[in-house]
């Protein structure tokens, strides 16, 4: 198993911990990561863009004027697409952009994303981050000390003080183990994992 240093909020090494090699040391394939990230982003698209067709527009179906004898163009009803306020001929309809990815592929991609941070030496393990109060300035000082000003911080359980203190700091995101995903891991340069969260990650992916 790989061994990494565990630091405290002062940036000092306090101990070491072992990482499961089947999770944090797997070969990284960009094609797998691309497939999962693409599917994840596609699933976020609303797909709710829509227009009203001729049958959806409210209005009379009576012919505007007679077919011949007026010297004007031949018109149908008021809902005709060529008239202002009429139906739209070519326009978007609601659609589902989501893509199906096998569960084992999603799981593998998550392992690859974690492994990439270890291989690039962008993984930081912190023993704990305990805040006495909700204070953005205090938290900003901590992330600067541990060199994680642009990082994804993974916690083992909900920490309201930590989440609220980080809310106004750009470039930092707090996630619980259950919400860990490939896109966020790859999006942020650094990955900070609180030591208790490692057990949760290994339990989820092991």
N, C-alpha and C. Protein backbone atom coordinates (compact mmCIF):
# COMPACT_ATOMS: atom_id res chain seq x y z
N UNK A 1 0.83 -1.20 0.00
CA UNK A 1 0.00 0.00 0.00
C UNK A 1 0.87 1.26 0.00
N UNK A 2 0.37 2.31 -0.66
CA UNK A 2 1.09 3.58 -0.70
C UNK A 2 0.94 4.28 0.64
N UNK A 3 2.00 4.93 1.07
CA UNK A 3 2.01 5.64 2.35
C UNK A 3 2.16 7.14 2.07
N UNK A 4 1.28 7.95 2.65
CA UNK A 4 1.35 9.40 2.47
C UNK A 4 1.39 10.08 3.83
N UNK A 5 1.96 11.27 3.83
CA UNK A 5 2.04 12.05 5.07
C UNK A 5 0.68 12.65 5.40
N UNK A 6 0.40 12.75 6.67
CA UNK A 6 -0.81 13.41 7.16
C UNK A 6 -0.38 14.67 7.90
N UNK A 7 -0.91 15.82 7.48
CA UNK A 7 -0.52 17.09 8.09
C UNK A 7 -1.67 17.65 8.91
N UNK A 8 -1.34 18.62 9.76
CA UNK A 8 -2.38 19.32 10.51
C UNK A 8 -2.64 20.66 9.84
N UNK A 9 -3.52 21.48 10.43
CA UNK A 9 -3.88 22.75 9.80
C UNK A 9 -2.75 23.77 9.84
N UNK A 10 -1.68 23.44 10.58
CA UNK A 10 -0.50 24.31 10.60
C UNK A 10 0.51 23.91 9.53
N UNK A 11 0.19 22.86 8.77
CA UNK A 11 1.08 22.40 7.71
C UNK A 11 2.18 21.48 8.18
N UNK A 12 2.10 21.00 9.42
CA UNK A 12 3.14 20.13 9.99
C UNK A 12 2.74 18.67 9.83
N UNK A 13 3.72 17.83 9.51
CA UNK A 13 3.46 16.39 9.37
C UNK A 13 3.29 15.80 10.77
N UNK A 14 2.14 15.16 11.00
CA UNK A 14 1.86 14.61 12.33
C UNK A 14 1.91 13.08 12.34
N UNK A 15 1.61 12.47 11.19
CA UNK A 15 1.64 11.01 11.09
C UNK A 15 1.63 10.62 9.63
N UNK A 16 1.48 9.32 9.39
CA UNK A 16 1.37 8.82 8.03
C UNK A 16 0.19 7.86 7.95
N UNK A 17 -0.35 7.71 6.75
CA UNK A 17 -1.47 6.79 6.56
C UNK A 17 -1.27 6.01 5.27
N UNK A 18 -1.84 4.81 5.25
CA UNK A 18 -1.73 3.95 4.08
C UNK A 18 -2.96 4.12 3.19
N UNK A 19 -2.71 4.13 1.89
CA UNK A 19 -3.79 4.23 0.91
C UNK A 19 -3.92 2.91 0.17
N UNK A 20 -5.15 2.50 -0.04
CA UNK A 20 -5.42 1.25 -0.75
C UNK A 20 -4.99 1.39 -2.21
N UNK A 21 -4.07 0.52 -2.64
CA UNK A 21 -3.53 0.63 -4.00
C UNK A 21 -4.56 0.31 -5.07
N UNK A 22 -5.59 -0.45 -4.73
CA UNK A 22 -6.62 -0.77 -5.72
C UNK A 22 -7.53 0.41 -5.99
N UNK A 23 -7.39 1.47 -5.19
CA UNK A 23 -8.21 2.68 -5.35
C UNK A 23 -7.35 3.88 -5.73
N UNK A 24 -6.21 4.03 -5.06
CA UNK A 24 -5.37 5.21 -5.23
C UNK A 24 -4.14 4.97 -6.10
N UNK A 25 -4.05 3.78 -6.71
CA UNK A 25 -2.88 3.52 -7.55
C UNK A 25 -3.27 2.59 -8.71
N UNK A 26 -4.21 3.06 -9.52
CA UNK A 26 -4.62 2.28 -10.71
C UNK A 26 -4.18 3.03 -11.96
N UNK A 27 -3.94 2.33 -13.06
CA UNK A 27 -3.56 3.00 -14.32
C UNK A 27 -4.65 3.97 -14.78
N UNK A 28 -4.23 5.14 -15.19
CA UNK A 28 -5.17 6.18 -15.60
C UNK A 28 -5.35 6.16 -17.11
N UNK A 29 -6.61 6.06 -17.54
CA UNK A 29 -6.93 6.09 -18.97
C UNK A 29 -7.80 7.32 -19.24
N UNK A 30 -7.30 8.21 -20.06
CA UNK A 30 -8.02 9.45 -20.34
C UNK A 30 -9.36 9.20 -21.02
N UNK A 31 -9.44 8.15 -21.82
CA UNK A 31 -10.69 7.86 -22.53
C UNK A 31 -11.83 7.54 -21.56
N UNK A 32 -11.50 6.82 -20.49
CA UNK A 32 -12.52 6.46 -19.49
C UNK A 32 -12.96 7.71 -18.73
N UNK A 33 -11.97 8.53 -18.35
CA UNK A 33 -12.29 9.77 -17.63
C UNK A 33 -13.15 10.69 -18.50
N UNK A 34 -12.79 10.78 -19.79
CA UNK A 34 -13.54 11.63 -20.70
C UNK A 34 -14.98 11.16 -20.84
N UNK A 35 -15.17 9.86 -20.94
CA UNK A 35 -16.52 9.31 -21.09
C UNK A 35 -17.39 9.65 -19.89
N UNK A 36 -16.84 9.50 -18.69
CA UNK A 36 -17.63 9.73 -17.48
C UNK A 36 -17.89 11.23 -17.27
N UNK A 37 -16.88 12.06 -17.50
CA UNK A 37 -17.05 13.50 -17.32
C UNK A 37 -18.06 14.04 -18.33
N UNK A 38 -17.99 13.58 -19.57
CA UNK A 38 -18.94 14.01 -20.60
C UNK A 38 -20.37 13.64 -20.21
N UNK A 39 -20.53 12.42 -19.71
CA UNK A 39 -21.87 11.98 -19.28
C UNK A 39 -22.35 12.78 -18.09
N UNK A 40 -21.44 13.09 -17.18
CA UNK A 40 -21.81 13.86 -15.98
C UNK A 40 -22.27 15.27 -16.34
N UNK A 41 -21.55 15.92 -17.25
CA UNK A 41 -21.92 17.27 -17.66
C UNK A 41 -23.19 17.26 -18.52
N UNK A 42 -23.35 16.22 -19.33
CA UNK A 42 -24.55 16.13 -20.15
C UNK A 42 -25.79 15.96 -19.28
N UNK A 43 -25.64 15.24 -18.17
CA UNK A 43 -26.76 15.04 -17.27
C UNK A 43 -27.21 16.30 -16.56
N UNK A 44 -26.33 17.30 -16.52
CA UNK A 44 -26.69 18.57 -15.88
C UNK A 44 -27.49 19.48 -16.79
N UNK A 45 -27.52 19.19 -18.09
CA UNK A 45 -28.23 20.04 -19.02
C UNK A 45 -29.73 19.90 -18.83
N UNK A 46 -30.41 21.00 -18.82
CA UNK A 46 -31.86 20.98 -18.56
C UNK A 46 -32.63 20.35 -19.71
N UNK A 47 -32.26 20.71 -20.92
CA UNK A 47 -32.98 20.17 -22.08
C UNK A 47 -34.43 20.60 -22.13
N UNK A 48 -34.72 21.78 -21.58
CA UNK A 48 -36.11 22.23 -21.48
C UNK A 48 -36.48 23.28 -22.52
N UNK A 49 -35.56 23.61 -23.44
CA UNK A 49 -35.86 24.60 -24.47
C UNK A 49 -36.99 24.10 -25.35
N UNK A 50 -37.97 24.97 -25.60
CA UNK A 50 -39.14 24.53 -26.37
C UNK A 50 -39.79 25.71 -27.06
N UNK A 51 -40.48 25.43 -28.14
CA UNK A 51 -41.26 26.44 -28.86
C UNK A 51 -42.69 25.94 -29.01
N UNK A 52 -43.58 26.86 -29.36
CA UNK A 52 -44.97 26.48 -29.61
C UNK A 52 -45.17 26.25 -31.11
N UNK A 53 -45.69 25.08 -31.41
CA UNK A 53 -46.00 24.76 -32.79
C UNK A 53 -47.34 25.39 -33.18
N UNK A 54 -47.69 25.21 -34.41
CA UNK A 54 -48.93 25.80 -34.92
C UNK A 54 -50.15 25.33 -34.12
N UNK A 55 -50.12 24.07 -33.69
CA UNK A 55 -51.25 23.53 -32.95
C UNK A 55 -51.26 23.97 -31.49
N UNK A 56 -50.13 24.52 -31.01
CA UNK A 56 -50.03 24.94 -29.61
C UNK A 56 -50.43 26.41 -29.41
N UNK A 57 -50.39 27.20 -30.50
CA UNK A 57 -50.68 28.64 -30.38
C UNK A 57 -52.17 28.85 -30.20
N UNK A 58 -52.53 29.77 -29.34
CA UNK A 58 -53.94 30.08 -29.12
C UNK A 58 -54.44 31.05 -30.20
N UNK A 59 -55.56 30.74 -30.80
CA UNK A 59 -56.11 31.61 -31.83
C UNK A 59 -57.19 30.89 -32.64
N UNK A 60 -57.89 31.67 -33.45
CA UNK A 60 -58.98 31.12 -34.25
C UNK A 60 -58.43 30.30 -35.42
N UNK A 61 -59.15 29.27 -35.80
CA UNK A 61 -58.76 28.46 -36.95
C UNK A 61 -59.49 28.92 -38.20
N UNK A 62 -60.20 30.06 -38.10
CA UNK A 62 -60.95 30.58 -39.25
C UNK A 62 -60.00 31.21 -40.25
N UNK A 63 -60.24 30.98 -41.53
CA UNK A 63 -59.41 31.58 -42.58
C UNK A 63 -59.55 33.08 -42.52
N UNK A 64 -58.43 33.82 -42.59
CA UNK A 64 -58.44 35.27 -42.39
C UNK A 64 -59.32 36.00 -43.42
N UNK A 65 -59.19 35.65 -44.69
CA UNK A 65 -60.03 36.23 -45.74
C UNK A 65 -60.10 35.24 -46.89
N UNK A 66 -60.98 35.53 -47.82
CA UNK A 66 -61.24 34.57 -48.86
C UNK A 66 -60.01 34.30 -49.73
N UNK A 67 -60.02 33.17 -50.36
CA UNK A 67 -58.87 32.69 -51.13
C UNK A 67 -58.58 33.59 -52.32
N UNK A 68 -59.61 34.04 -53.03
CA UNK A 68 -59.41 34.80 -54.28
C UNK A 68 -60.10 36.14 -54.23
N UNK A 69 -59.64 37.03 -55.07
CA UNK A 69 -60.34 38.27 -55.28
C UNK A 69 -59.85 39.46 -54.47
N UNK A 70 -58.92 39.25 -53.53
CA UNK A 70 -58.47 40.38 -52.71
C UNK A 70 -57.19 41.01 -53.25
N UNK A 71 -56.47 40.28 -54.09
CA UNK A 71 -55.21 40.78 -54.61
C UNK A 71 -54.07 40.61 -53.61
N UNK A 72 -54.33 39.92 -52.55
CA UNK A 72 -53.30 39.71 -51.52
C UNK A 72 -52.85 38.25 -51.53
N UNK A 73 -51.82 37.98 -50.75
CA UNK A 73 -51.33 36.60 -50.66
C UNK A 73 -52.38 35.72 -50.01
N UNK A 74 -52.35 34.44 -50.34
CA UNK A 74 -53.32 33.50 -49.76
C UNK A 74 -52.92 33.17 -48.33
N UNK A 75 -53.83 33.39 -47.41
CA UNK A 75 -53.56 33.17 -45.99
C UNK A 75 -54.47 32.11 -45.43
N UNK A 76 -53.95 31.39 -44.47
CA UNK A 76 -54.76 30.43 -43.73
C UNK A 76 -55.28 31.10 -42.47
N UNK A 77 -55.12 30.45 -41.31
CA UNK A 77 -55.61 31.03 -40.06
C UNK A 77 -54.52 31.89 -39.41
N UNK A 78 -54.88 32.50 -38.30
CA UNK A 78 -54.00 33.45 -37.61
C UNK A 78 -52.77 32.77 -37.01
N UNK A 79 -52.82 31.43 -36.89
CA UNK A 79 -51.72 30.69 -36.27
C UNK A 79 -50.65 30.27 -37.28
N UNK A 80 -50.77 30.77 -38.50
CA UNK A 80 -49.82 30.42 -39.53
C UNK A 80 -48.39 30.84 -39.15
N UNK A 81 -47.40 30.03 -39.43
CA UNK A 81 -46.01 30.36 -39.08
C UNK A 81 -45.47 31.61 -39.75
N UNK A 82 -46.08 32.04 -40.86
CA UNK A 82 -45.58 33.22 -41.56
C UNK A 82 -46.09 34.51 -40.93
N UNK A 83 -46.99 34.43 -39.97
CA UNK A 83 -47.55 35.61 -39.32
C UNK A 83 -46.93 35.82 -37.95
N UNK A 84 -46.87 37.08 -37.55
CA UNK A 84 -46.36 37.41 -36.22
C UNK A 84 -47.27 36.79 -35.15
N UNK A 85 -46.67 36.10 -34.18
CA UNK A 85 -47.45 35.47 -33.14
C UNK A 85 -47.94 34.08 -33.51
N UNK A 86 -47.60 33.64 -34.71
CA UNK A 86 -48.02 32.31 -35.14
C UNK A 86 -47.08 31.23 -34.60
N UNK A 87 -47.33 30.01 -34.99
CA UNK A 87 -46.50 28.90 -34.53
C UNK A 87 -45.12 28.93 -35.15
N UNK A 88 -44.20 28.22 -34.55
CA UNK A 88 -42.82 28.12 -35.04
C UNK A 88 -42.66 26.79 -35.76
N UNK A 89 -42.04 26.86 -36.94
CA UNK A 89 -41.87 25.64 -37.74
C UNK A 89 -40.67 24.85 -37.26
N UNK A 90 -39.51 25.47 -37.25
CA UNK A 90 -38.28 24.78 -36.85
C UNK A 90 -37.78 25.38 -35.54
N UNK A 91 -37.83 24.62 -34.50
CA UNK A 91 -37.39 25.11 -33.20
C UNK A 91 -37.11 23.94 -32.28
N UNK A 92 -36.51 24.22 -31.11
CA UNK A 92 -36.15 23.13 -30.20
C UNK A 92 -37.36 22.53 -29.49
N UNK A 93 -37.24 21.27 -29.16
CA UNK A 93 -38.23 20.56 -28.36
C UNK A 93 -37.52 20.04 -27.10
N UNK A 94 -38.25 19.85 -26.02
CA UNK A 94 -37.62 19.28 -24.81
C UNK A 94 -36.97 17.94 -25.12
N UNK A 95 -35.76 17.75 -24.60
CA UNK A 95 -35.05 16.49 -24.86
C UNK A 95 -34.18 16.13 -23.66
N UNK A 96 -33.82 14.89 -23.59
CA UNK A 96 -32.99 14.38 -22.51
C UNK A 96 -31.57 14.20 -23.03
N UNK A 97 -30.62 14.95 -22.43
CA UNK A 97 -29.24 14.89 -22.89
C UNK A 97 -28.42 13.83 -22.16
N UNK A 98 -28.99 13.22 -21.13
CA UNK A 98 -28.22 12.30 -20.29
C UNK A 98 -27.72 11.10 -21.09
N UNK A 99 -26.54 10.62 -20.70
CA UNK A 99 -25.93 9.46 -21.33
C UNK A 99 -25.74 8.36 -20.29
N UNK A 100 -25.99 7.15 -20.69
CA UNK A 100 -25.87 6.04 -19.77
C UNK A 100 -24.43 5.53 -19.75
N UNK A 101 -23.88 5.43 -18.53
CA UNK A 101 -22.54 4.88 -18.34
C UNK A 101 -22.65 3.73 -17.35
N UNK A 102 -22.01 2.63 -17.65
CA UNK A 102 -22.07 1.47 -16.76
C UNK A 102 -21.55 1.82 -15.37
N UNK A 103 -22.17 1.23 -14.38
CA UNK A 103 -21.80 1.50 -12.99
C UNK A 103 -20.33 1.17 -12.72
N UNK A 104 -19.86 0.07 -13.28
CA UNK A 104 -18.46 -0.33 -13.04
C UNK A 104 -17.49 0.64 -13.73
N UNK A 105 -17.92 1.25 -14.83
CA UNK A 105 -17.08 2.24 -15.52
C UNK A 105 -17.00 3.53 -14.69
N UNK A 106 -18.14 3.95 -14.12
CA UNK A 106 -18.15 5.13 -13.26
C UNK A 106 -17.25 4.92 -12.03
N UNK A 107 -17.33 3.73 -11.49
CA UNK A 107 -16.52 3.39 -10.32
C UNK A 107 -15.03 3.39 -10.67
N UNK A 108 -14.70 2.83 -11.83
CA UNK A 108 -13.31 2.79 -12.28
C UNK A 108 -12.78 4.19 -12.54
N UNK A 109 -13.60 5.04 -13.15
CA UNK A 109 -13.19 6.41 -13.44
C UNK A 109 -12.91 7.18 -12.15
N UNK A 110 -13.69 6.95 -11.12
CA UNK A 110 -13.47 7.62 -9.84
C UNK A 110 -12.14 7.18 -9.24
N UNK A 111 -11.83 5.90 -9.35
CA UNK A 111 -10.52 5.41 -8.88
C UNK A 111 -9.38 6.05 -9.68
N UNK A 112 -9.58 6.17 -10.99
CA UNK A 112 -8.55 6.77 -11.84
C UNK A 112 -8.32 8.24 -11.49
N UNK A 113 -9.42 8.95 -11.22
CA UNK A 113 -9.30 10.37 -10.87
C UNK A 113 -8.52 10.53 -9.56
N UNK A 114 -8.81 9.69 -8.58
CA UNK A 114 -8.08 9.73 -7.30
C UNK A 114 -6.61 9.36 -7.51
N UNK A 115 -6.38 8.35 -8.34
CA UNK A 115 -5.00 7.92 -8.61
C UNK A 115 -4.20 9.00 -9.31
N UNK A 116 -4.87 9.75 -10.20
CA UNK A 116 -4.16 10.81 -10.93
C UNK A 116 -3.65 11.89 -9.98
N UNK A 117 -4.41 12.19 -8.94
CA UNK A 117 -3.97 13.19 -7.96
C UNK A 117 -2.79 12.69 -7.15
N UNK A 118 -2.78 11.39 -6.84
CA UNK A 118 -1.65 10.81 -6.12
C UNK A 118 -0.41 10.82 -7.00
N UNK A 119 -0.56 10.42 -8.27
CA UNK A 119 0.58 10.37 -9.18
C UNK A 119 1.16 11.75 -9.46
N UNK A 120 0.29 12.76 -9.50
CA UNK A 120 0.74 14.13 -9.75
C UNK A 120 1.17 14.85 -8.46
N UNK A 121 1.11 14.13 -7.34
CA UNK A 121 1.47 14.68 -6.02
C UNK A 121 0.63 15.92 -5.68
N UNK A 122 -0.65 15.82 -6.01
CA UNK A 122 -1.58 16.90 -5.72
C UNK A 122 -2.60 16.48 -4.65
N UNK A 123 -2.30 15.40 -3.96
CA UNK A 123 -3.18 14.92 -2.89
C UNK A 123 -2.63 15.37 -1.54
N UNK A 124 -3.47 16.00 -0.75
CA UNK A 124 -3.10 16.44 0.60
C UNK A 124 -4.04 15.78 1.60
N UNK A 125 -3.47 15.11 2.59
CA UNK A 125 -4.27 14.47 3.62
C UNK A 125 -4.10 15.27 4.91
N UNK A 126 -5.21 15.74 5.46
CA UNK A 126 -5.20 16.54 6.68
C UNK A 126 -5.89 15.74 7.78
N UNK A 127 -5.33 15.79 8.98
CA UNK A 127 -5.91 14.99 10.07
C UNK A 127 -7.32 15.46 10.41
N UNK A 128 -7.52 16.75 10.53
CA UNK A 128 -8.86 17.29 10.78
C UNK A 128 -8.84 18.80 10.62
N UNK A 129 -10.00 19.37 10.36
CA UNK A 129 -10.16 20.83 10.33
C UNK A 129 -11.33 21.17 11.24
N UNK A 130 -11.02 21.57 12.45
CA UNK A 130 -12.05 21.91 13.43
C UNK A 130 -12.09 23.42 13.62
N UNK A 131 -13.23 24.01 13.38
CA UNK A 131 -13.41 25.45 13.55
C UNK A 131 -14.30 25.71 14.76
N UNK A 132 -13.89 26.66 15.60
CA UNK A 132 -14.67 27.00 16.79
C UNK A 132 -15.92 27.79 16.43
N UNK A 133 -15.86 28.49 15.29
CA UNK A 133 -16.98 29.30 14.86
C UNK A 133 -16.95 29.42 13.35
N UNK A 134 -18.03 29.94 12.77
CA UNK A 134 -18.08 30.17 11.33
C UNK A 134 -17.29 31.43 11.02
N UNK A 135 -16.12 31.28 10.45
CA UNK A 135 -15.25 32.42 10.21
C UNK A 135 -14.49 32.20 8.90
N UNK A 136 -14.84 32.98 7.89
CA UNK A 136 -14.20 32.84 6.58
C UNK A 136 -12.71 33.17 6.65
N UNK A 137 -12.36 34.19 7.41
CA UNK A 137 -10.95 34.61 7.50
C UNK A 137 -10.07 33.51 8.09
N UNK A 138 -10.59 32.83 9.10
CA UNK A 138 -9.82 31.75 9.73
C UNK A 138 -9.62 30.60 8.73
N UNK A 139 -10.69 30.23 8.03
CA UNK A 139 -10.59 29.14 7.07
C UNK A 139 -9.66 29.52 5.91
N UNK A 140 -9.73 30.76 5.46
CA UNK A 140 -8.85 31.22 4.37
C UNK A 140 -7.39 31.10 4.78
N UNK A 141 -7.10 31.38 6.05
CA UNK A 141 -5.73 31.25 6.54
C UNK A 141 -5.27 29.80 6.56
N UNK A 142 -6.21 28.88 6.87
CA UNK A 142 -5.86 27.46 6.91
C UNK A 142 -5.52 26.94 5.52
N UNK A 143 -6.37 27.24 4.53
CA UNK A 143 -6.12 26.72 3.17
C UNK A 143 -4.84 27.33 2.58
N UNK A 144 -4.51 28.54 2.99
CA UNK A 144 -3.27 29.15 2.51
C UNK A 144 -2.07 28.46 3.15
N UNK A 145 -2.19 28.10 4.42
CA UNK A 145 -1.09 27.44 5.13
C UNK A 145 -0.80 26.06 4.56
N UNK A 146 -1.86 25.31 4.22
CA UNK A 146 -1.65 23.95 3.71
C UNK A 146 -1.52 23.93 2.18
N UNK A 147 -1.43 25.12 1.57
CA UNK A 147 -1.24 25.26 0.12
C UNK A 147 -2.40 24.62 -0.64
N UNK A 148 -3.62 25.02 -0.27
CA UNK A 148 -4.81 24.48 -0.93
C UNK A 148 -5.79 25.60 -1.25
N UNK A 149 -5.27 26.70 -1.82
CA UNK A 149 -6.13 27.84 -2.12
C UNK A 149 -7.10 27.54 -3.26
N UNK A 150 -6.76 26.56 -4.10
CA UNK A 150 -7.68 26.10 -5.15
C UNK A 150 -7.76 24.59 -5.03
N UNK A 151 -8.77 24.12 -4.29
CA UNK A 151 -8.81 22.70 -3.98
C UNK A 151 -10.22 22.21 -3.71
N UNK A 152 -10.37 20.92 -3.88
CA UNK A 152 -11.58 20.22 -3.48
C UNK A 152 -11.29 19.56 -2.13
N UNK A 153 -12.10 19.87 -1.13
CA UNK A 153 -11.89 19.33 0.21
C UNK A 153 -12.98 18.30 0.49
N UNK A 154 -12.56 17.08 0.80
CA UNK A 154 -13.49 15.98 1.02
C UNK A 154 -13.56 15.67 2.51
N UNK A 155 -14.77 15.70 3.05
CA UNK A 155 -14.98 15.41 4.47
C UNK A 155 -15.74 14.10 4.62
N UNK A 156 -15.55 13.46 5.78
CA UNK A 156 -16.22 12.20 6.03
C UNK A 156 -17.68 12.36 6.38
N UNK A 157 -18.03 13.46 7.02
CA UNK A 157 -19.41 13.73 7.42
C UNK A 157 -19.69 15.21 7.29
N UNK A 158 -20.94 15.59 7.43
CA UNK A 158 -21.34 16.98 7.27
C UNK A 158 -20.68 17.85 8.34
N UNK A 159 -20.07 18.95 7.91
CA UNK A 159 -19.44 19.89 8.82
C UNK A 159 -19.95 21.29 8.45
N UNK A 160 -20.99 21.72 9.14
CA UNK A 160 -21.66 22.95 8.77
C UNK A 160 -20.75 24.17 8.92
N UNK A 161 -19.96 24.21 9.98
CA UNK A 161 -19.06 25.35 10.18
C UNK A 161 -18.04 25.45 9.05
N UNK A 162 -17.54 24.31 8.65
CA UNK A 162 -16.55 24.28 7.56
C UNK A 162 -17.19 24.70 6.24
N UNK A 163 -18.39 24.20 5.97
CA UNK A 163 -19.06 24.51 4.71
C UNK A 163 -19.42 25.99 4.63
N UNK A 164 -19.93 26.56 5.71
CA UNK A 164 -20.33 27.97 5.70
C UNK A 164 -19.11 28.90 5.68
N UNK A 165 -18.03 28.49 6.31
CA UNK A 165 -16.82 29.32 6.34
C UNK A 165 -16.15 29.37 4.97
N UNK A 166 -16.34 28.32 4.16
CA UNK A 166 -15.69 28.25 2.85
C UNK A 166 -16.55 28.81 1.73
N UNK A 167 -17.78 29.17 2.05
CA UNK A 167 -18.74 29.52 1.01
C UNK A 167 -18.32 30.73 0.18
N UNK A 168 -17.67 31.68 0.78
CA UNK A 168 -17.29 32.91 0.06
C UNK A 168 -15.85 32.91 -0.44
N UNK A 169 -15.22 31.76 -0.42
CA UNK A 169 -13.84 31.67 -0.90
C UNK A 169 -13.84 31.05 -2.29
N UNK A 170 -13.48 31.82 -3.31
CA UNK A 170 -13.47 31.27 -4.68
C UNK A 170 -12.37 30.22 -4.83
N UNK A 171 -12.65 29.19 -5.60
CA UNK A 171 -11.64 28.18 -5.86
C UNK A 171 -11.60 27.06 -4.85
N UNK A 172 -12.49 27.08 -3.86
CA UNK A 172 -12.53 26.02 -2.84
C UNK A 172 -13.93 25.45 -2.78
N UNK A 173 -14.01 24.13 -2.74
CA UNK A 173 -15.31 23.46 -2.64
C UNK A 173 -15.24 22.35 -1.60
N UNK A 174 -16.29 22.25 -0.79
CA UNK A 174 -16.38 21.22 0.23
C UNK A 174 -17.37 20.15 -0.24
N UNK A 175 -16.94 18.89 -0.18
CA UNK A 175 -17.80 17.77 -0.56
C UNK A 175 -17.71 16.68 0.49
N UNK A 176 -18.83 16.03 0.74
CA UNK A 176 -18.81 14.85 1.58
C UNK A 176 -18.44 13.63 0.73
N UNK A 177 -18.06 12.57 1.39
CA UNK A 177 -17.63 11.36 0.68
C UNK A 177 -18.68 10.87 -0.30
N UNK A 178 -19.96 10.96 0.10
CA UNK A 178 -21.03 10.45 -0.76
C UNK A 178 -21.15 11.23 -2.06
N UNK A 179 -20.73 12.50 -2.06
CA UNK A 179 -20.87 13.34 -3.25
C UNK A 179 -19.62 13.39 -4.11
N UNK A 180 -18.61 12.63 -3.77
CA UNK A 180 -17.36 12.65 -4.52
C UNK A 180 -17.59 12.19 -5.95
N UNK A 181 -17.09 12.97 -6.91
CA UNK A 181 -17.31 12.65 -8.32
C UNK A 181 -16.10 12.99 -9.16
N UNK A 182 -16.03 12.42 -10.34
CA UNK A 182 -14.86 12.55 -11.21
C UNK A 182 -14.65 13.99 -11.65
N UNK A 183 -15.72 14.67 -12.06
CA UNK A 183 -15.58 16.03 -12.59
C UNK A 183 -14.95 16.98 -11.58
N UNK A 184 -15.44 16.96 -10.35
CA UNK A 184 -14.91 17.88 -9.34
C UNK A 184 -13.46 17.55 -8.97
N UNK A 185 -13.12 16.27 -8.94
CA UNK A 185 -11.73 15.89 -8.62
C UNK A 185 -10.78 16.45 -9.68
N UNK A 186 -11.16 16.32 -10.95
CA UNK A 186 -10.29 16.79 -12.03
C UNK A 186 -10.33 18.30 -12.20
N UNK A 187 -11.42 18.92 -11.80
CA UNK A 187 -11.58 20.37 -11.99
C UNK A 187 -10.62 21.17 -11.12
N UNK A 188 -10.43 20.73 -9.87
CA UNK A 188 -9.60 21.50 -8.93
C UNK A 188 -8.17 20.98 -8.94
N UNK A 189 -7.20 21.90 -8.93
CA UNK A 189 -5.79 21.48 -8.97
C UNK A 189 -5.38 20.58 -7.80
N UNK A 190 -5.87 20.86 -6.61
CA UNK A 190 -5.49 20.09 -5.43
C UNK A 190 -6.69 19.32 -4.89
N UNK A 191 -6.41 18.16 -4.31
CA UNK A 191 -7.43 17.35 -3.65
C UNK A 191 -7.03 17.20 -2.19
N UNK A 192 -7.85 17.74 -1.30
CA UNK A 192 -7.60 17.66 0.14
C UNK A 192 -8.61 16.68 0.74
N UNK A 193 -8.09 15.66 1.40
CA UNK A 193 -8.96 14.67 2.03
C UNK A 193 -8.70 14.67 3.53
N UNK A 194 -9.76 14.84 4.31
CA UNK A 194 -9.61 14.71 5.75
C UNK A 194 -9.42 13.24 6.08
N UNK A 195 -8.53 12.94 6.98
CA UNK A 195 -8.15 11.55 7.25
C UNK A 195 -9.34 10.63 7.52
N UNK A 196 -10.35 11.05 8.30
CA UNK A 196 -11.49 10.15 8.51
C UNK A 196 -12.26 9.82 7.23
N UNK A 197 -12.14 10.66 6.20
CA UNK A 197 -12.88 10.43 4.96
C UNK A 197 -12.25 9.33 4.11
N UNK A 198 -10.98 9.02 4.35
CA UNK A 198 -10.32 7.98 3.56
C UNK A 198 -11.03 6.64 3.74
N UNK A 199 -11.40 6.34 4.97
CA UNK A 199 -12.11 5.09 5.24
C UNK A 199 -13.43 5.02 4.49
N UNK A 200 -14.12 6.17 4.42
CA UNK A 200 -15.39 6.22 3.70
C UNK A 200 -15.21 6.01 2.21
N UNK A 201 -14.14 6.60 1.64
CA UNK A 201 -13.87 6.44 0.21
C UNK A 201 -13.53 4.99 -0.10
N UNK A 202 -12.67 4.38 0.73
CA UNK A 202 -12.29 2.99 0.50
C UNK A 202 -13.48 2.06 0.70
N UNK A 203 -14.37 2.41 1.61
CA UNK A 203 -15.55 1.60 1.80
C UNK A 203 -16.50 1.69 0.63
N UNK A 204 -16.54 2.87 -0.01
CA UNK A 204 -17.43 3.07 -1.16
C UNK A 204 -16.89 2.41 -2.40
N UNK A 205 -15.58 2.44 -2.59
CA UNK A 205 -14.97 1.94 -3.83
C UNK A 205 -14.29 0.61 -3.70
N UNK A 206 -14.13 0.14 -2.48
CA UNK A 206 -13.40 -1.10 -2.25
C UNK A 206 -14.17 -2.33 -2.71
